[in-house]
Amino acid sequence: MNDSPDWRSRRWAATHQRIYDTALALFQEHGFDKVNGGQIASGAGVSVPTFYAHFPSKEHIVMQLPSAEDIGAIVASQPEDLPLGERFRRAAPAWLAQWTPEVMKGELVRWRIIATTPGLRTRAAEYERATAGMFADALPAAGTGVRPQDAAVVNAYMVAFTAGVLAWADGHGERKIEEHVLEAFDALEGR
């Protein structure tokens, strides 16, 4: 039956992916700032309200946050007895190792759009702070919340992580993303 919840969720997912793919292609061809929601909707064969039902704005297509569950799993995978900076240094490659070649290719496209759009590049800092907050919230706390010094360490490593990812995008993915991220961590640590 075509009205089953499973069918509707597959249809929703297919429409979502079509809008996403269309938007990325348009952003690559014309530049992020020269594309509007109506053009994306038209290219994807959907109405403008349907576009906005899937993405609150065109920015939400390229600016994405990991889920709190994903961040929690990465934090939990690291030994609690390690210094926080070392835990972050080890967590980043573990996170990136989850990316299949197909995901890596898609992430490079998305991050190239961010890297080449000054407004998005600036907005990346806001998303970086939100991700740092999720990371800090996932840390085991002694019932008192995150210590200010831990929040500072997490934020500093997120800045370095974003700098590494942007360097990877700026370099068109010619070197491994992990190399860029670890170099950014090295710079942060004065290595």
Protein backbone atom coordinates (compact mmCIF):
# COMPACT_ATOMS: atom_id res chain seq x y z
CA MET A 1 0.00 0.00 0.00
CA ASN A 2 1.41 3.41 -0.96
CA ASP A 3 0.24 5.17 2.20
CA SER A 4 2.35 3.09 4.58
CA PRO A 5 4.65 4.99 6.95
CA ASP A 6 7.66 3.19 5.49
CA TRP A 7 6.79 4.29 1.97
CA ARG A 8 6.30 7.88 3.12
CA SER A 9 9.64 7.91 4.92
CA ARG A 10 11.42 6.53 1.85
CA ARG A 11 9.72 9.15 -0.32
CA TRP A 12 10.71 11.90 2.15
CA ALA A 13 14.32 10.66 2.19
CA ALA A 14 14.47 10.48 -1.62
CA THR A 15 13.09 14.02 -1.96
CA HIS A 16 15.50 15.28 0.71
CA GLN A 17 18.46 13.73 -1.10
CA ARG A 18 17.31 15.11 -4.47
CA ILE A 19 17.06 18.63 -3.02
CA TYR A 20 20.47 18.24 -1.39
CA ASP A 21 22.16 16.95 -4.55
CA THR A 22 20.53 19.66 -6.69
CA ALA A 23 21.60 22.39 -4.28
CA LEU A 24 25.20 21.23 -4.16
CA ALA A 25 25.37 21.07 -7.95
CA LEU A 26 23.93 24.59 -8.24
CA PHE A 27 26.28 25.93 -5.55
CA GLN A 28 29.27 24.42 -7.36
CA GLU A 29 28.18 25.80 -10.72
CA HIS A 30 27.03 29.30 -9.73
CA GLY A 31 28.41 29.90 -6.24
CA PHE A 32 26.49 29.67 -2.98
CA ASP A 33 25.53 33.35 -2.82
CA LYS A 34 24.06 33.39 -6.35
CA VAL A 35 21.62 30.52 -5.77
CA ASN A 36 18.27 30.93 -4.01
CA GLY A 37 15.72 28.53 -2.57
CA GLY A 38 13.42 28.92 -5.58
CA GLN A 39 16.18 27.85 -7.97
CA ILE A 40 16.96 24.83 -5.81
CA ALA A 41 13.30 23.87 -5.60
CA SER A 42 12.83 24.22 -9.36
CA GLY A 43 15.96 22.19 -10.11
CA ALA A 44 14.85 19.45 -7.73
CA GLY A 45 11.32 19.40 -9.15
CA VAL A 46 9.65 20.42 -5.90
CA SER A 47 7.69 23.42 -4.71
CA VAL A 48 9.35 26.18 -2.70
CA PRO A 49 7.34 25.20 0.42
CA THR A 50 8.56 21.61 -0.02
CA PHE A 51 12.15 22.86 -0.18
CA TYR A 52 11.65 24.75 3.08
CA ALA A 53 9.96 21.74 4.68
CA HIS A 54 13.22 19.84 4.14
CA PHE A 55 15.73 22.63 4.84
CA PRO A 56 14.98 25.77 6.88
CA SER A 57 17.37 27.69 4.61
CA LYS A 58 19.90 27.04 1.88
CA GLU A 59 22.60 27.48 4.53
CA HIS A 60 21.30 24.39 6.35
CA ILE A 61 22.16 22.32 3.29
CA VAL A 62 25.89 22.86 3.68
CA MET A 63 26.22 23.80 7.35
CA GLN A 64 25.59 20.58 9.24
CA LEU A 65 26.04 19.55 12.85
CA PRO A 66 26.81 16.03 13.99
CA SER A 67 24.22 14.54 16.30
CA ALA A 68 24.72 14.62 20.07
CA GLU A 69 24.56 10.82 19.95
CA ASP A 70 27.43 10.65 17.46
CA ILE A 71 29.55 13.00 19.56
CA GLY A 72 28.68 11.05 22.71
CA ALA A 73 29.80 7.80 21.09
CA ILE A 74 33.12 9.32 20.02
CA VAL A 75 33.73 10.74 23.51
CA ALA A 76 32.81 7.43 25.13
CA SER A 77 35.24 5.59 22.85
CA GLN A 78 38.20 7.42 24.41
CA PRO A 79 39.75 6.41 27.75
CA GLU A 80 38.69 8.82 30.49
CA ASP A 81 42.11 8.72 32.13
CA LEU A 82 43.78 10.48 29.18
CA PRO A 83 44.21 14.26 29.24
CA LEU A 84 41.34 15.96 27.46
CA GLY A 85 43.50 17.25 24.60
CA GLU A 86 44.80 13.74 23.93
CA ARG A 87 41.26 12.37 23.97
CA PHE A 88 40.24 14.95 21.39
CA ARG A 89 43.36 14.26 19.30
CA ARG A 90 42.45 10.56 19.24
CA ALA A 91 38.72 11.13 18.71
CA ALA A 92 39.09 13.20 15.54
CA PRO A 93 40.74 10.47 13.41
CA ALA A 94 38.24 7.95 14.83
CA TRP A 95 35.41 10.22 13.65
CA LEU A 96 36.96 10.67 10.22
CA ALA A 97 37.66 6.93 9.87
CA GLN A 98 33.89 6.37 9.80
CA TRP A 99 33.64 8.23 6.49
CA THR A 100 33.40 5.90 3.53
CA PRO A 101 35.06 7.04 0.27
CA GLU A 102 31.62 8.13 -0.95
CA VAL A 103 30.99 10.17 2.21
CA MET A 104 34.50 11.65 1.98
CA LYS A 105 33.82 12.77 -1.59
CA GLY A 106 30.53 14.37 -0.55
CA GLU A 107 32.14 16.07 2.45
CA LEU A 108 34.84 17.52 0.23
CA VAL A 109 32.19 19.03 -2.05
CA ARG A 110 30.30 20.45 0.93
CA TRP A 111 33.44 21.83 2.61
CA ARG A 112 34.71 23.31 -0.68
CA ILE A 113 31.47 25.30 -0.85
CA ILE A 114 31.98 26.45 2.74
CA ALA A 115 35.66 27.26 2.15
CA THR A 116 34.96 29.33 -0.97
CA THR A 117 32.04 31.30 0.48
CA PRO A 118 33.25 33.96 2.92
CA GLY A 119 29.95 34.15 4.80
CA LEU A 120 29.80 30.37 5.28
CA ARG A 121 33.44 30.23 6.27
CA THR A 122 32.66 32.74 9.02
CA ARG A 123 29.50 30.86 10.03
CA ALA A 124 31.55 27.66 10.40
CA ALA A 125 32.81 29.12 13.69
CA GLU A 126 29.24 29.12 15.06
CA TYR A 127 28.76 25.48 14.14
CA GLU A 128 32.19 24.68 15.56
CA ARG A 129 31.14 26.20 18.93
CA ALA A 130 27.90 24.22 18.89
CA THR A 131 29.81 21.00 18.22
CA ALA A 132 32.28 21.86 20.99
CA GLY A 133 29.32 22.31 23.31
CA MET A 134 28.03 18.84 22.43
CA PHE A 135 31.51 17.41 23.01
CA ALA A 136 31.79 19.16 26.39
CA ASP A 137 28.28 18.01 27.36
CA ALA A 138 29.25 14.42 26.55
CA LEU A 139 32.20 14.50 28.93
CA PRO A 140 31.64 12.57 32.13
CA ALA A 141 30.96 15.23 34.74
CA ALA A 142 31.18 14.81 38.47
CA GLY A 143 27.62 16.12 38.82
CA THR A 144 28.81 19.71 38.54
CA GLY A 145 28.82 20.22 34.79
CA VAL A 146 31.74 20.98 32.53
CA ARG A 147 34.69 22.75 34.11
CA PRO A 148 35.60 26.05 32.40
CA GLN A 149 39.12 24.81 31.64
CA ASP A 150 37.69 21.71 29.94
CA ALA A 151 35.35 23.86 27.86
CA ALA A 152 38.34 26.00 26.81
CA VAL A 153 40.32 22.92 25.75
CA VAL A 154 37.40 21.49 23.77
CA ASN A 155 36.76 24.81 22.03
CA ALA A 156 40.45 25.21 21.13
CA TYR A 157 40.57 21.72 19.63
CA MET A 158 37.37 22.34 17.67
CA VAL A 159 38.90 25.52 16.22
CA ALA A 160 41.96 23.50 15.20
CA PHE A 161 39.76 20.72 13.78
CA THR A 162 37.80 23.20 11.65
CA ALA A 163 41.04 24.84 10.50
CA GLY A 164 42.30 21.42 9.40
CA VAL A 165 39.10 20.61 7.53
CA LEU A 166 39.14 24.00 5.81
CA ALA A 167 42.80 23.47 4.82
CA TRP A 168 41.79 20.11 3.35
CA ALA A 169 38.99 21.78 1.37
CA ASP A 170 41.24 24.65 0.30
CA GLY A 171 43.71 22.04 -0.99
CA HIS A 172 40.93 20.30 -2.99
CA GLY A 173 41.39 17.13 -0.94
CA GLU A 174 44.79 16.40 -2.47
CA ARG A 175 46.13 15.35 0.95
CA LYS A 176 44.28 13.26 3.50
CA ILE A 177 41.96 15.19 5.78
CA GLU A 178 43.51 13.46 8.81
CA GLU A 179 46.91 14.94 7.93
CA HIS A 180 45.49 18.46 7.91
CA VAL A 181 43.60 17.96 11.16
CA LEU A 182 46.59 16.47 12.98
CA GLU A 183 48.82 19.30 11.70
CA ALA A 184 46.31 21.80 13.10
CA PHE A 185 46.39 19.95 16.45
CA ASP A 186 50.20 20.01 16.35
CA ALA A 187 50.12 23.79 15.81
CA LEU A 188 47.70 24.18 18.72
CA GLU A 189 49.97 22.11 20.95
CA GLY A 190 53.13 23.93 19.80
CA ARG A 191 54.67 20.81 18.26
